[in-house]
Amino acid sequence: MHTSKRLLSAAVLGLTALIFGGCQTAQEPTAIVSSPAYWQQMQQKLQQVTRYQLSGRLGVSGSTRFSANFTLTANQDNYELELTSPFGATLANLTVKPGEAILVADGKTYQAADAQSLFYETFNLDLPLSSLRTLSLGLIGPASILLPDGQLLSSAQDGFVVNYQHFKEFDGYALPTDLNVNKGQLYIKLKVNEVAYIE
């Protein structure tokens, strides 16, 4: 599919070194004093989050190889996901609200009721967009596995298995900053560099 090829070539893996360079954080992360009580209270706090914005980088490997910078802006059940090249060019912009997803890429606009299927049909790239809030905030679900101190270790949802490698606290919220996601032969690495705001 031509659109998919242009998207992938714009963020060719040969430029990964630029993507994976350090970024300044909007909010300085603080150390986490981990305990079962801390994580139990943190989960309750994260469940109440209404809006946040975070950015970082993602790399996809498997049958499809792709890498890009991303910015996720969420407000209640609505969110916007922007993917950009190492040079700042917008590769794709996905706007989602309940029952509607709009994707703008390569000068074209695509629309569907479901963000995940829309992205897959357009780019042949399966991303965990239906569970993006749960994944990005590190929320515990029915298929989650916890460490002895209560920290989230892994979760499974919609066929994706998410392994949480590291958490940092931003403005009083402990958020995952290093995540590995896989589904079959698809492997996704997410690195959060910056949290602009969360409340």
C-alpha atoms as a PDB file:
ATOM      1  CA  MET A   1       0.000   0.000   0.000  1.00  0.00           C
ATOM      2  CA  HIS A   2       1.590   3.267  -1.162  1.00  0.00           C
ATOM      3  CA  THR A   3       0.597   5.317   1.877  1.00  0.00           C
ATOM      4  CA  SER A   4       2.082   2.731   4.196  1.00  0.00           C
ATOM      5  CA  LYS A   5       5.350   2.653   2.260  1.00  0.00           C
ATOM      6  CA  ARG A   6       5.687   6.432   2.351  1.00  0.00           C
ATOM      7  CA  LEU A   7       4.970   6.485   6.076  1.00  0.00           C
ATOM      8  CA  LEU A   8       7.531   3.800   6.778  1.00  0.00           C
ATOM      9  CA  SER A   9      10.215   5.253   4.532  1.00  0.00           C
ATOM     10  CA  ALA A  10       9.826   8.674   6.147  1.00  0.00           C
ATOM     11  CA  ALA A  11      10.811   7.158   9.471  1.00  0.00           C
ATOM     12  CA  VAL A  12      13.345   4.601   8.231  1.00  0.00           C
ATOM     13  CA  LEU A  13      15.095   2.693  10.951  1.00  0.00           C
ATOM     14  CA  GLY A  14      18.435   4.054   9.838  1.00  0.00           C
ATOM     15  CA  LEU A  15      17.435   7.256  11.653  1.00  0.00           C
ATOM     16  CA  THR A  16      16.626   5.475  14.896  1.00  0.00           C
ATOM     17  CA  ALA A  17      19.701   6.932  16.579  1.00  0.00           C
ATOM     18  CA  LEU A  18      18.223  10.387  16.187  1.00  0.00           C
ATOM     19  CA  ILE A  19      14.892   9.302  17.607  1.00  0.00           C
ATOM     20  CA  PHE A  20      16.455   7.592  20.565  1.00  0.00           C
ATOM     21  CA  GLY A  21      18.491  10.626  21.565  1.00  0.00           C
ATOM     22  CA  GLY A  22      17.754  12.269  24.910  1.00  0.00           C
ATOM     23  CA  CYS A  23      14.942  14.799  25.343  1.00  0.00           C
ATOM     24  CA  GLN A  24      14.247  17.422  27.975  1.00  0.00           C
ATOM     25  CA  THR A  25      11.315  16.578  30.222  1.00  0.00           C
ATOM     26  CA  ALA A  26       8.608  19.129  30.913  1.00  0.00           C
ATOM     27  CA  GLN A  27       8.229  17.829  34.464  1.00  0.00           C
ATOM     28  CA  GLU A  28      11.276  16.552  36.326  1.00  0.00           C
ATOM     29  CA  PRO A  29      10.688  12.923  37.377  1.00  0.00           C
ATOM     30  CA  THR A  30      11.214  11.981  41.012  1.00  0.00           C
ATOM     31  CA  ALA A  31      12.221   8.719  42.675  1.00  0.00           C
ATOM     32  CA  ILE A  32       9.573   6.183  43.620  1.00  0.00           C
ATOM     33  CA  VAL A  33       9.565   4.697  47.113  1.00  0.00           C
ATOM     34  CA  SER A  34       7.892   1.438  46.197  1.00  0.00           C
ATOM     35  CA  SER A  35       5.535  -0.446  48.516  1.00  0.00           C
ATOM     36  CA  PRO A  36       2.194  -2.272  48.212  1.00  0.00           C
ATOM     37  CA  ALA A  37       0.414   0.676  49.843  1.00  0.00           C
ATOM     38  CA  TYR A  38       2.063   3.138  47.442  1.00  0.00           C
ATOM     39  CA  TRP A  39       0.967   1.253  44.332  1.00  0.00           C
ATOM     40  CA  GLN A  40      -2.540   0.620  45.627  1.00  0.00           C
ATOM     41  CA  GLN A  41      -3.028   4.331  46.286  1.00  0.00           C
ATOM     42  CA  MET A  42      -1.389   5.198  42.955  1.00  0.00           C
ATOM     43  CA  GLN A  43      -3.794   2.985  41.018  1.00  0.00           C
ATOM     44  CA  GLN A  44      -6.735   4.748  42.636  1.00  0.00           C
ATOM     45  CA  LYS A  45      -5.184   8.097  41.726  1.00  0.00           C
ATOM     46  CA  LEU A  46      -4.485   7.088  38.125  1.00  0.00           C
ATOM     47  CA  GLN A  47      -8.066   5.908  37.666  1.00  0.00           C
ATOM     48  CA  GLN A  48      -9.167   9.497  38.331  1.00  0.00           C
ATOM     49  CA  VAL A  49      -6.913  11.092  35.684  1.00  0.00           C
ATOM     50  CA  THR A  50      -8.981  13.129  33.221  1.00  0.00           C
ATOM     51  CA  ARG A  51      -6.364  14.724  30.980  1.00  0.00           C
ATOM     52  CA  TYR A  52      -2.678  14.294  30.217  1.00  0.00           C
ATOM     53  CA  GLN A  53      -0.078  14.730  27.519  1.00  0.00           C
ATOM     54  CA  LEU A  54       3.036  12.658  27.091  1.00  0.00           C
ATOM     55  CA  SER A  55       5.559  12.188  24.320  1.00  0.00           C
ATOM     56  CA  GLY A  56       8.410   9.918  23.424  1.00  0.00           C
ATOM     57  CA  ARG A  57       9.372   7.413  20.780  1.00  0.00           C
ATOM     58  CA  LEU A  58       8.213   4.066  19.485  1.00  0.00           C
ATOM     59  CA  GLY A  59       9.858   1.354  17.452  1.00  0.00           C
ATOM     60  CA  VAL A  60       8.078  -1.514  15.732  1.00  0.00           C
ATOM     61  CA  SER A  61       9.754  -4.699  14.537  1.00  0.00           C
ATOM     62  CA  GLY A  62       8.525  -7.923  13.007  1.00  0.00           C
ATOM     63  CA  SER A  63       6.916  -8.239   9.582  1.00  0.00           C
ATOM     64  CA  THR A  64       6.667  -4.430   9.622  1.00  0.00           C
ATOM     65  CA  ARG A  65       9.584  -2.268  10.752  1.00  0.00           C
ATOM     66  CA  PHE A  66       8.800   1.296  11.746  1.00  0.00           C
ATOM     67  CA  SER A  67       9.964   3.970  14.169  1.00  0.00           C
ATOM     68  CA  ALA A  68       8.754   7.466  15.007  1.00  0.00           C
ATOM     69  CA  ASN A  69       8.367  10.073  17.691  1.00  0.00           C
ATOM     70  CA  PHE A  70       4.907  10.316  19.231  1.00  0.00           C
ATOM     71  CA  THR A  71       2.802  12.744  21.238  1.00  0.00           C
ATOM     72  CA  LEU A  72      -0.328  11.505  22.998  1.00  0.00           C
ATOM     73  CA  THR A  73      -2.849  14.087  24.222  1.00  0.00           C
ATOM     74  CA  ALA A  74      -5.830  12.680  26.130  1.00  0.00           C
ATOM     75  CA  ASN A  75      -8.923  14.321  27.596  1.00  0.00           C
ATOM     76  CA  GLN A  76     -11.527  12.031  29.161  1.00  0.00           C
ATOM     77  CA  ASP A  77     -12.446   9.462  26.471  1.00  0.00           C
ATOM     78  CA  ASN A  78     -10.990  11.553  23.641  1.00  0.00           C
ATOM     79  CA  TYR A  79      -7.384  11.477  22.515  1.00  0.00           C
ATOM     80  CA  GLU A  80      -5.052  12.607  19.757  1.00  0.00           C
ATOM     81  CA  LEU A  81      -1.968  10.663  18.700  1.00  0.00           C
ATOM     82  CA  GLU A  82       0.591  12.370  16.488  1.00  0.00           C
ATOM     83  CA  LEU A  83       3.496  10.513  14.886  1.00  0.00           C
ATOM     84  CA  THR A  84       6.431  12.532  13.591  1.00  0.00           C
ATOM     85  CA  SER A  85       9.733  11.871  11.853  1.00  0.00           C
ATOM     86  CA  PRO A  86      13.121  12.586  13.492  1.00  0.00           C
ATOM     87  CA  PHE A  87      13.068  15.944  11.696  1.00  0.00           C
ATOM     88  CA  GLY A  88       9.655  16.911  13.062  1.00  0.00           C
ATOM     89  CA  ALA A  89       7.548  16.228   9.966  1.00  0.00           C
ATOM     90  CA  THR A  90       4.089  14.881  10.764  1.00  0.00           C
ATOM     91  CA  LEU A  91       3.683  11.322   9.509  1.00  0.00           C
ATOM     92  CA  ALA A  92       0.191  10.691  10.852  1.00  0.00           C
ATOM     93  CA  ASN A  93      -2.344  12.350  13.114  1.00  0.00           C
ATOM     94  CA  LEU A  94      -5.064  10.255  14.731  1.00  0.00           C
ATOM     95  CA  THR A  95      -7.998  11.911  16.509  1.00  0.00           C
ATOM     96  CA  VAL A  96     -10.314   9.640  18.479  1.00  0.00           C
ATOM     97  CA  LYS A  97     -13.569  10.133  20.338  1.00  0.00           C
ATOM     98  CA  PRO A  98     -16.208   7.542  21.265  1.00  0.00           C
ATOM     99  CA  GLY A  99     -17.527   5.945  18.085  1.00  0.00           C
ATOM    100  CA  GLU A 100     -15.304   7.920  15.718  1.00  0.00           C
ATOM    101  CA  ALA A 101     -11.673   7.862  14.613  1.00  0.00           C
ATOM    102  CA  ILE A 102     -10.138  10.234  12.064  1.00  0.00           C
ATOM    103  CA  LEU A 103      -6.685   9.617  10.618  1.00  0.00           C
ATOM    104  CA  VAL A 104      -4.806  12.191   8.543  1.00  0.00           C
ATOM    105  CA  ALA A 105      -1.700  10.990   6.702  1.00  0.00           C
ATOM    106  CA  ASP A 106       0.040  11.784   3.433  1.00  0.00           C
ATOM    107  CA  GLY A 107      -2.443  14.561   2.730  1.00  0.00           C
ATOM    108  CA  LYS A 108      -5.425  12.223   2.948  1.00  0.00           C
ATOM    109  CA  THR A 109      -8.138  11.787   5.578  1.00  0.00           C
ATOM    110  CA  TYR A 110      -9.495   8.408   6.651  1.00  0.00           C
ATOM    111  CA  GLN A 111     -12.425   7.813   8.984  1.00  0.00           C
ATOM    112  CA  ALA A 112     -13.902   4.820  10.820  1.00  0.00           C
ATOM    113  CA  ALA A 113     -15.678   3.936  14.040  1.00  0.00           C
ATOM    114  CA  ASP A 114     -12.652   2.159  15.519  1.00  0.00           C
ATOM    115  CA  ALA A 115      -9.133   3.609  15.762  1.00  0.00           C
ATOM    116  CA  GLN A 116      -7.255   0.326  15.866  1.00  0.00           C
ATOM    117  CA  SER A 117      -8.877  -1.173  12.769  1.00  0.00           C
ATOM    118  CA  LEU A 118      -8.596   2.164  10.929  1.00  0.00           C
ATOM    119  CA  PHE A 119      -4.850   2.342  11.552  1.00  0.00           C
ATOM    120  CA  TYR A 120      -4.379  -1.282  10.545  1.00  0.00           C
ATOM    121  CA  GLU A 121      -6.414  -0.960   7.346  1.00  0.00           C
ATOM    122  CA  THR A 122      -4.523   2.190   6.358  1.00  0.00           C
ATOM    123  CA  PHE A 123      -0.953   1.241   7.266  1.00  0.00           C
ATOM    124  CA  ASN A 124      -1.103  -2.529   7.831  1.00  0.00           C
ATOM    125  CA  LEU A 125       0.265  -1.754  11.290  1.00  0.00           C
ATOM    126  CA  ASP A 126      -1.436  -3.165  14.394  1.00  0.00           C
ATOM    127  CA  LEU A 127      -1.015  -0.834  17.381  1.00  0.00           C
ATOM    128  CA  PRO A 128      -2.824  -1.238  20.750  1.00  0.00           C
ATOM    129  CA  LEU A 129      -4.956   1.850  20.192  1.00  0.00           C
ATOM    130  CA  SER A 130      -8.121   0.446  21.770  1.00  0.00           C
ATOM    131  CA  SER A 131      -6.341   0.111  25.124  1.00  0.00           C
ATOM    132  CA  LEU A 132      -4.118   3.179  24.879  1.00  0.00           C
ATOM    133  CA  ARG A 133      -5.286   4.783  28.128  1.00  0.00           C
ATOM    134  CA  THR A 134      -4.787   1.589  30.123  1.00  0.00           C
ATOM    135  CA  LEU A 135      -1.372   1.024  28.585  1.00  0.00           C
ATOM    136  CA  SER A 136      -0.037   4.580  28.827  1.00  0.00           C
ATOM    137  CA  LEU A 137      -1.154   5.135  32.430  1.00  0.00           C
ATOM    138  CA  GLY A 138      -0.148   1.667  33.597  1.00  0.00           C
ATOM    139  CA  LEU A 139      -3.587   0.728  34.863  1.00  0.00           C
ATOM    140  CA  ILE A 140      -4.091  -2.716  36.376  1.00  0.00           C
ATOM    141  CA  GLY A 141      -6.587  -5.010  34.645  1.00  0.00           C
ATOM    142  CA  PRO A 142      -7.965  -8.541  35.096  1.00  0.00           C
ATOM    143  CA  ALA A 143      -4.984 -10.099  33.273  1.00  0.00           C
ATOM    144  CA  SER A 144      -2.277  -8.078  35.042  1.00  0.00           C
ATOM    145  CA  ILE A 145       0.698  -9.537  36.921  1.00  0.00           C
ATOM    146  CA  LEU A 146       2.184  -7.597  39.843  1.00  0.00           C
ATOM    147  CA  LEU A 147       5.565  -7.684  41.537  1.00  0.00           C
ATOM    148  CA  PRO A 148       5.670  -8.501  45.287  1.00  0.00           C
ATOM    149  CA  ASP A 149       5.752  -4.770  46.107  1.00  0.00           C
ATOM    150  CA  GLY A 150       2.577  -4.189  44.074  1.00  0.00           C
ATOM    151  CA  GLN A 151       4.204  -2.631  41.015  1.00  0.00           C
ATOM    152  CA  LEU A 152       2.653  -3.575  37.677  1.00  0.00           C
ATOM    153  CA  LEU A 153       4.853  -6.049  35.798  1.00  0.00           C
ATOM    154  CA  SER A 154       2.735  -7.063  32.807  1.00  0.00           C
ATOM    155  CA  SER A 155      -0.779  -6.987  31.376  1.00  0.00           C
ATOM    156  CA  ALA A 156      -2.646  -8.649  28.537  1.00  0.00           C
ATOM    157  CA  GLN A 157      -5.468  -6.993  26.612  1.00  0.00           C
ATOM    158  CA  ASP A 158      -6.911  -7.273  23.095  1.00  0.00           C
ATOM    159  CA  GLY A 159      -4.272  -9.860  22.172  1.00  0.00           C
ATOM    160  CA  PHE A 160      -1.371  -7.615  23.198  1.00  0.00           C
ATOM    161  CA  VAL A 161       1.008  -8.504  26.027  1.00  0.00           C
ATOM    162  CA  VAL A 162       2.557  -5.453  27.706  1.00  0.00           C
ATOM    163  CA  ASN A 163       5.695  -5.698  29.836  1.00  0.00           C
ATOM    164  CA  TYR A 164       6.390  -2.656  32.004  1.00  0.00           C
ATOM    165  CA  GLN A 165      10.147  -2.182  32.370  1.00  0.00           C
ATOM    166  CA  HIS A 166      10.340   1.043  34.351  1.00  0.00           C
ATOM    167  CA  PHE A 167       8.198   3.670  36.103  1.00  0.00           C
ATOM    168  CA  LYS A 168       8.941   7.279  37.048  1.00  0.00           C
ATOM    169  CA  GLU A 169       6.882   9.717  39.073  1.00  0.00           C
ATOM    170  CA  PHE A 170       5.763  12.932  37.379  1.00  0.00           C
ATOM    171  CA  ASP A 171       3.943  15.572  39.407  1.00  0.00           C
ATOM    172  CA  GLY A 172       2.813  12.931  41.883  1.00  0.00           C
ATOM    173  CA  TYR A 173       1.798  10.311  39.287  1.00  0.00           C
ATOM    174  CA  ALA A 174       3.835   7.138  38.730  1.00  0.00           C
ATOM    175  CA  LEU A 175       3.799   6.468  34.986  1.00  0.00           C
ATOM    176  CA  PRO A 176       5.415   3.758  32.861  1.00  0.00           C
ATOM    177  CA  THR A 177       8.341   5.131  30.872  1.00  0.00           C
ATOM    178  CA  ASP A 178       9.689   1.951  29.255  1.00  0.00           C
ATOM    179  CA  LEU A 179       7.278  -0.603  27.795  1.00  0.00           C
ATOM    180  CA  ASN A 180       7.641  -3.637  25.564  1.00  0.00           C
ATOM    181  CA  VAL A 181       4.502  -4.755  23.743  1.00  0.00           C
ATOM    182  CA  ASN A 182       4.084  -7.859  21.621  1.00  0.00           C
ATOM    183  CA  LYS A 183       1.320  -9.564  19.698  1.00  0.00           C
ATOM    184  CA  GLY A 184       2.340 -12.659  17.775  1.00  0.00           C
ATOM    185  CA  GLN A 185       5.376 -11.696  15.700  1.00  0.00           C
ATOM    186  CA  LEU A 186       4.817  -7.968  16.242  1.00  0.00           C
ATOM    187  CA  TYR A 187       7.099  -6.252  18.753  1.00  0.00           C
ATOM    188  CA  ILE A 188       6.678  -2.652  19.901  1.00  0.00           C
ATOM    189  CA  LYS A 189       9.032  -0.700  22.140  1.00  0.00           C
ATOM    190  CA  LEU A 190       7.689   2.483  23.754  1.00  0.00           C
ATOM    191  CA  LYS A 191       9.813   5.050  25.563  1.00  0.00           C
ATOM    192  CA  VAL A 192       8.175   8.033  27.281  1.00  0.00           C
ATOM    193  CA  ASN A 193      10.527  11.014  27.493  1.00  0.00           C
ATOM    194  CA  GLU A 194       8.267  13.858  28.519  1.00  0.00           C
ATOM    195  CA  VAL A 195       5.063  14.417  30.463  1.00  0.00           C
ATOM    196  CA  ALA A 196       3.771  17.902  29.692  1.00  0.00           C
ATOM    197  CA  TYR A 197       0.885  17.692  32.169  1.00  0.00           C
ATOM    198  CA  ILE A 198      -1.306  15.198  33.971  1.00  0.00           C
ATOM    199  CA  GLU A 199      -4.314  15.828  36.183  1.00  0.00           C
END
